[in-house]
Amino acid sequence: MKRLVDLLKSLWGVSQPASPPVSVNPLDYEQLVTLDAESLAEQGILTSYSELLPRLKEYSAAPLKVTEVQSNDGLGYTVEAGGRQFVIWEVLESGKQNNDGWERATVAFFQIVNASLEASTYHFYAINGGNDLFGMFLTEQEFIAARQAIARRSDWPWLPDDRLPHYGFPVEDA
């Protein structure tokens, strides 16, 4: 009977209301790694990296060795890995400390992890930022699918970098 009713409706130009498309977020939030940019910037990069190592070793056979260097005055904080040096906190010519340590720490952490993943099909992407910073291992296909499925750019996975003013964060108006 339903088929007959549907046939009659189609003949008279009455169609079924289209069901709205269902947006399915392809990210598995159970796989999030909690980070927090403030903790990273407060001499926490090595600790966070050490805690991540067991998971990182699932994707990389040769994770980089990370060392931290703190200045005697307590105002400088630098991280070294893979022959690179990442300055998180420094005293500027003005005698004041830089004010972008959270951003620098985020960039350093993700660049170090991703340098460890050089031979892998996975990258370590940031989710959110600041105190709500998380990380997630994704393939390029998973990354692309997430960006296509997630409407708000600021919710997209992203790769932190040195580009000012947003350090790679996907802002809404970009």
C-alpha atoms as a PDB file:
ATOM      1  CA  MET A   1       0.000   0.000   0.000  1.00  0.00           C
ATOM      2  CA  LYS A   2       2.847   2.392   0.867  1.00  0.00           C
ATOM      3  CA  ARG A   3       4.323   1.888  -2.609  1.00  0.00           C
ATOM      4  CA  LEU A   4       0.992   2.828  -4.181  1.00  0.00           C
ATOM      5  CA  VAL A   5       0.698   5.959  -2.050  1.00  0.00           C
ATOM      6  CA  ASP A   6       4.291   6.941  -2.907  1.00  0.00           C
ATOM      7  CA  LEU A   7       3.581   6.367  -6.614  1.00  0.00           C
ATOM      8  CA  LEU A   8       0.458   8.544  -6.491  1.00  0.00           C
ATOM      9  CA  LYS A   9       2.335  11.287  -4.617  1.00  0.00           C
ATOM     10  CA  SER A  10       5.095  11.257  -7.215  1.00  0.00           C
ATOM     11  CA  LEU A  11       2.532  11.496 -10.059  1.00  0.00           C
ATOM     12  CA  TRP A  12       0.875  14.513  -8.416  1.00  0.00           C
ATOM     13  CA  GLY A  13       4.217  16.177  -7.716  1.00  0.00           C
ATOM     14  CA  VAL A  14       4.120  15.672  -3.986  1.00  0.00           C
ATOM     15  CA  SER A  15       7.511  14.579  -2.781  1.00  0.00           C
ATOM     16  CA  GLN A  16       8.751  13.306   0.490  1.00  0.00           C
ATOM     17  CA  PRO A  17      10.544  15.941   2.543  1.00  0.00           C
ATOM     18  CA  ALA A  18      14.234  15.481   2.090  1.00  0.00           C
ATOM     19  CA  SER A  19      15.982  14.422   5.224  1.00  0.00           C
ATOM     20  CA  PRO A  20      18.725  16.864   6.166  1.00  0.00           C
ATOM     21  CA  PRO A  21      22.252  15.681   5.480  1.00  0.00           C
ATOM     22  CA  VAL A  22      23.861  14.169   8.522  1.00  0.00           C
ATOM     23  CA  SER A  23      27.297  15.570   9.238  1.00  0.00           C
ATOM     24  CA  VAL A  24      29.389  12.877  10.823  1.00  0.00           C
ATOM     25  CA  ASN A  25      32.588  14.020  12.465  1.00  0.00           C
ATOM     26  CA  PRO A  26      35.255  11.505  11.432  1.00  0.00           C
ATOM     27  CA  LEU A  27      37.535  12.248  14.400  1.00  0.00           C
ATOM     28  CA  ASP A  28      37.738   9.642  17.138  1.00  0.00           C
ATOM     29  CA  TYR A  29      37.892  11.866  20.207  1.00  0.00           C
ATOM     30  CA  GLU A  30      38.737   8.838  22.338  1.00  0.00           C
ATOM     31  CA  GLN A  31      42.196   9.102  20.740  1.00  0.00           C
ATOM     32  CA  LEU A  32      42.860  12.701  21.862  1.00  0.00           C
ATOM     33  CA  VAL A  33      46.100  13.434  23.685  1.00  0.00           C
ATOM     34  CA  THR A  34      45.634  16.131  26.336  1.00  0.00           C
ATOM     35  CA  LEU A  35      48.388  18.745  26.187  1.00  0.00           C
ATOM     36  CA  ASP A  36      47.607  22.354  27.350  1.00  0.00           C
ATOM     37  CA  ALA A  37      49.847  25.039  25.814  1.00  0.00           C
ATOM     38  CA  GLU A  38      50.409  26.703  29.186  1.00  0.00           C
ATOM     39  CA  SER A  39      51.836  23.493  30.650  1.00  0.00           C
ATOM     40  CA  LEU A  40      54.074  23.013  27.608  1.00  0.00           C
ATOM     41  CA  ALA A  41      55.394  26.580  27.952  1.00  0.00           C
ATOM     42  CA  GLU A  42      56.091  26.174  31.665  1.00  0.00           C
ATOM     43  CA  GLN A  43      59.006  23.800  31.077  1.00  0.00           C
ATOM     44  CA  GLY A  44      56.628  20.961  30.246  1.00  0.00           C
ATOM     45  CA  ILE A  45      57.639  19.968  26.723  1.00  0.00           C
ATOM     46  CA  LEU A  46      60.001  17.172  27.769  1.00  0.00           C
ATOM     47  CA  THR A  47      57.510  15.798  30.299  1.00  0.00           C
ATOM     48  CA  SER A  48      54.654  15.827  27.758  1.00  0.00           C
ATOM     49  CA  TYR A  49      56.902  14.305  25.085  1.00  0.00           C
ATOM     50  CA  SER A  50      57.990  11.548  27.480  1.00  0.00           C
ATOM     51  CA  GLU A  51      54.348  10.783  28.294  1.00  0.00           C
ATOM     52  CA  LEU A  52      53.528  10.667  24.564  1.00  0.00           C
ATOM     53  CA  LEU A  53      56.449   8.355  23.681  1.00  0.00           C
ATOM     54  CA  PRO A  54      54.609   5.022  24.127  1.00  0.00           C
ATOM     55  CA  ARG A  55      51.923   6.149  21.645  1.00  0.00           C
ATOM     56  CA  LEU A  56      54.460   7.837  19.359  1.00  0.00           C
ATOM     57  CA  LYS A  57      56.404   4.577  19.118  1.00  0.00           C
ATOM     58  CA  GLU A  58      53.304   2.957  17.575  1.00  0.00           C
ATOM     59  CA  TYR A  59      53.819   5.288  14.569  1.00  0.00           C
ATOM     60  CA  SER A  60      57.584   5.910  14.598  1.00  0.00           C
ATOM     61  CA  ALA A  61      60.496   3.536  14.989  1.00  0.00           C
ATOM     62  CA  ALA A  62      62.912   6.363  15.822  1.00  0.00           C
ATOM     63  CA  PRO A  63      61.422   9.159  17.957  1.00  0.00           C
ATOM     64  CA  LEU A  64      63.737  12.121  18.460  1.00  0.00           C
ATOM     65  CA  LYS A  65      65.591  12.709  21.686  1.00  0.00           C
ATOM     66  CA  VAL A  66      64.442  15.916  23.385  1.00  0.00           C
ATOM     67  CA  THR A  67      66.412  18.028  25.848  1.00  0.00           C
ATOM     68  CA  GLU A  68      65.427  21.167  27.726  1.00  0.00           C
ATOM     69  CA  VAL A  69      67.712  24.061  28.600  1.00  0.00           C
ATOM     70  CA  GLN A  70      66.701  26.630  31.192  1.00  0.00           C
ATOM     71  CA  SER A  71      68.649  29.817  31.801  1.00  0.00           C
ATOM     72  CA  ASN A  72      70.144  30.524  35.210  1.00  0.00           C
ATOM     73  CA  ASP A  73      67.856  33.524  35.711  1.00  0.00           C
ATOM     74  CA  GLY A  74      64.780  31.365  35.085  1.00  0.00           C
ATOM     75  CA  LEU A  75      63.557  33.604  32.243  1.00  0.00           C
ATOM     76  CA  GLY A  76      64.869  31.531  29.342  1.00  0.00           C
ATOM     77  CA  TYR A  77      63.567  28.165  28.215  1.00  0.00           C
ATOM     78  CA  THR A  78      64.800  26.370  25.100  1.00  0.00           C
ATOM     79  CA  VAL A  79      64.101  22.893  23.754  1.00  0.00           C
ATOM     80  CA  GLU A  80      66.445  20.967  21.468  1.00  0.00           C
ATOM     81  CA  ALA A  81      65.557  18.010  19.248  1.00  0.00           C
ATOM     82  CA  GLY A  82      66.725  16.623  15.943  1.00  0.00           C
ATOM     83  CA  GLY A  83      69.439  19.248  15.551  1.00  0.00           C
ATOM     84  CA  ARG A  84      66.943  22.100  15.987  1.00  0.00           C
ATOM     85  CA  GLN A  85      66.644  24.566  18.795  1.00  0.00           C
ATOM     86  CA  PHE A  86      63.252  25.973  19.805  1.00  0.00           C
ATOM     87  CA  VAL A  87      63.324  29.112  21.941  1.00  0.00           C
ATOM     88  CA  ILE A  88      60.180  29.203  24.060  1.00  0.00           C
ATOM     89  CA  TRP A  89      61.011  32.018  26.495  1.00  0.00           C
ATOM     90  CA  GLU A  90      63.763  34.596  26.102  1.00  0.00           C
ATOM     91  CA  VAL A  91      64.678  38.035  27.366  1.00  0.00           C
ATOM     92  CA  LEU A  92      64.233  40.574  24.593  1.00  0.00           C
ATOM     93  CA  GLU A  93      66.383  43.649  23.930  1.00  0.00           C
ATOM     94  CA  SER A  94      63.862  45.690  25.896  1.00  0.00           C
ATOM     95  CA  GLY A  95      64.743  43.631  28.957  1.00  0.00           C
ATOM     96  CA  LYS A  96      61.292  42.052  29.017  1.00  0.00           C
ATOM     97  CA  GLN A  97      60.376  38.464  28.318  1.00  0.00           C
ATOM     98  CA  ASN A  98      58.597  37.538  25.068  1.00  0.00           C
ATOM     99  CA  ASN A  99      54.826  37.167  25.411  1.00  0.00           C
ATOM    100  CA  ASP A 100      54.205  34.333  22.942  1.00  0.00           C
ATOM    101  CA  GLY A 101      55.637  31.404  24.898  1.00  0.00           C
ATOM    102  CA  TRP A 102      52.422  29.374  24.722  1.00  0.00           C
ATOM    103  CA  GLU A 103      52.397  29.633  20.936  1.00  0.00           C
ATOM    104  CA  ARG A 104      56.112  28.887  20.616  1.00  0.00           C
ATOM    105  CA  ALA A 105      55.778  25.859  22.905  1.00  0.00           C
ATOM    106  CA  THR A 106      52.866  24.547  20.844  1.00  0.00           C
ATOM    107  CA  VAL A 107      54.811  24.965  17.600  1.00  0.00           C
ATOM    108  CA  ALA A 108      57.912  23.331  19.082  1.00  0.00           C
ATOM    109  CA  PHE A 109      56.042  20.345  20.492  1.00  0.00           C
ATOM    110  CA  PHE A 110      54.162  19.548  17.290  1.00  0.00           C
ATOM    111  CA  GLN A 111      57.200  20.099  15.067  1.00  0.00           C
ATOM    112  CA  ILE A 112      59.277  17.762  17.250  1.00  0.00           C
ATOM    113  CA  VAL A 113      56.621  15.041  17.232  1.00  0.00           C
ATOM    114  CA  ASN A 114      56.073  15.393  13.486  1.00  0.00           C
ATOM    115  CA  ALA A 115      59.831  15.289  12.806  1.00  0.00           C
ATOM    116  CA  SER A 116      59.767  11.946  14.640  1.00  0.00           C
ATOM    117  CA  LEU A 117      56.999  10.814  12.270  1.00  0.00           C
ATOM    118  CA  GLU A 118      58.945  11.646   9.112  1.00  0.00           C
ATOM    119  CA  ALA A 119      58.843   8.037   7.818  1.00  0.00           C
ATOM    120  CA  SER A 120      55.240   7.443   8.916  1.00  0.00           C
ATOM    121  CA  THR A 121      51.942   7.879   7.101  1.00  0.00           C
ATOM    122  CA  TYR A 122      50.678   9.681  10.214  1.00  0.00           C
ATOM    123  CA  HIS A 123      51.080  13.249  11.412  1.00  0.00           C
ATOM    124  CA  PHE A 124      50.341  14.621  14.849  1.00  0.00           C
ATOM    125  CA  TYR A 125      47.699  17.345  14.487  1.00  0.00           C
ATOM    126  CA  ALA A 126      46.626  19.952  17.016  1.00  0.00           C
ATOM    127  CA  ILE A 127      42.995  20.195  18.044  1.00  0.00           C
ATOM    128  CA  ASN A 128      41.946  23.517  19.612  1.00  0.00           C
ATOM    129  CA  GLY A 129      44.633  25.570  21.357  1.00  0.00           C
ATOM    130  CA  GLY A 130      45.692  27.293  24.561  1.00  0.00           C
ATOM    131  CA  ASN A 131      44.481  25.570  27.723  1.00  0.00           C
ATOM    132  CA  ASP A 132      42.227  23.402  25.518  1.00  0.00           C
ATOM    133  CA  LEU A 133      45.078  22.100  23.356  1.00  0.00           C
ATOM    134  CA  PHE A 134      44.933  18.464  22.319  1.00  0.00           C
ATOM    135  CA  GLY A 135      46.771  16.353  19.780  1.00  0.00           C
ATOM    136  CA  MET A 136      45.698  13.487  17.549  1.00  0.00           C
ATOM    137  CA  PHE A 137      47.526  11.117  15.214  1.00  0.00           C
ATOM    138  CA  LEU A 138      45.851  11.199  11.791  1.00  0.00           C
ATOM    139  CA  THR A 139      46.638  10.077   8.272  1.00  0.00           C
ATOM    140  CA  GLU A 140      46.400  12.654   5.496  1.00  0.00           C
ATOM    141  CA  GLN A 141      43.077  11.095   4.422  1.00  0.00           C
ATOM    142  CA  GLU A 142      41.650  11.379   7.952  1.00  0.00           C
ATOM    143  CA  PHE A 143      42.849  14.982   8.152  1.00  0.00           C
ATOM    144  CA  ILE A 144      41.162  15.870   4.838  1.00  0.00           C
ATOM    145  CA  ALA A 145      37.945  14.066   5.821  1.00  0.00           C
ATOM    146  CA  ALA A 146      37.820  15.962   9.123  1.00  0.00           C
ATOM    147  CA  ARG A 147      38.237  19.317   7.403  1.00  0.00           C
ATOM    148  CA  GLN A 148      35.475  18.455   4.936  1.00  0.00           C
ATOM    149  CA  ALA A 149      33.066  17.235   7.620  1.00  0.00           C
ATOM    150  CA  ILE A 150      33.635  19.850  10.332  1.00  0.00           C
ATOM    151  CA  ALA A 151      31.877  23.122   9.574  1.00  0.00           C
ATOM    152  CA  ARG A 152      33.757  25.514  11.875  1.00  0.00           C
ATOM    153  CA  ARG A 153      37.355  26.136  10.816  1.00  0.00           C
ATOM    154  CA  SER A 154      38.394  26.711  14.428  1.00  0.00           C
ATOM    155  CA  ASP A 155      37.384  23.092  15.183  1.00  0.00           C
ATOM    156  CA  TRP A 156      39.571  21.664  12.411  1.00  0.00           C
ATOM    157  CA  PRO A 157      42.738  19.687  13.129  1.00  0.00           C
ATOM    158  CA  TRP A 158      45.758  21.836  12.297  1.00  0.00           C
ATOM    159  CA  LEU A 159      49.556  21.856  12.176  1.00  0.00           C
ATOM    160  CA  PRO A 160      51.174  24.568  14.312  1.00  0.00           C
ATOM    161  CA  ASP A 161      53.829  26.612  12.523  1.00  0.00           C
ATOM    162  CA  ASP A 162      55.799  29.846  12.892  1.00  0.00           C
ATOM    163  CA  ARG A 163      53.504  31.970  10.697  1.00  0.00           C
ATOM    164  CA  LEU A 164      52.237  35.019  12.540  1.00  0.00           C
ATOM    165  CA  PRO A 165      49.794  36.055  13.791  1.00  0.00           C
ATOM    166  CA  HIS A 166      47.938  32.739  14.293  1.00  0.00           C
ATOM    167  CA  TYR A 167      50.790  30.179  14.224  1.00  0.00           C
ATOM    168  CA  GLY A 168      48.862  28.008  11.782  1.00  0.00           C
ATOM    169  CA  PHE A 169      45.591  27.985  13.759  1.00  0.00           C
ATOM    170  CA  PRO A 170      42.618  27.843  11.327  1.00  0.00           C
ATOM    171  CA  VAL A 171      40.771  31.060  12.195  1.00  0.00           C
ATOM    172  CA  GLU A 172      37.205  31.597  11.017  1.00  0.00           C
ATOM    173  CA  ASP A 173      37.856  34.645   8.826  1.00  0.00           C
ATOM    174  CA  ALA A 174      40.855  33.260   6.927  1.00  0.00           C
END
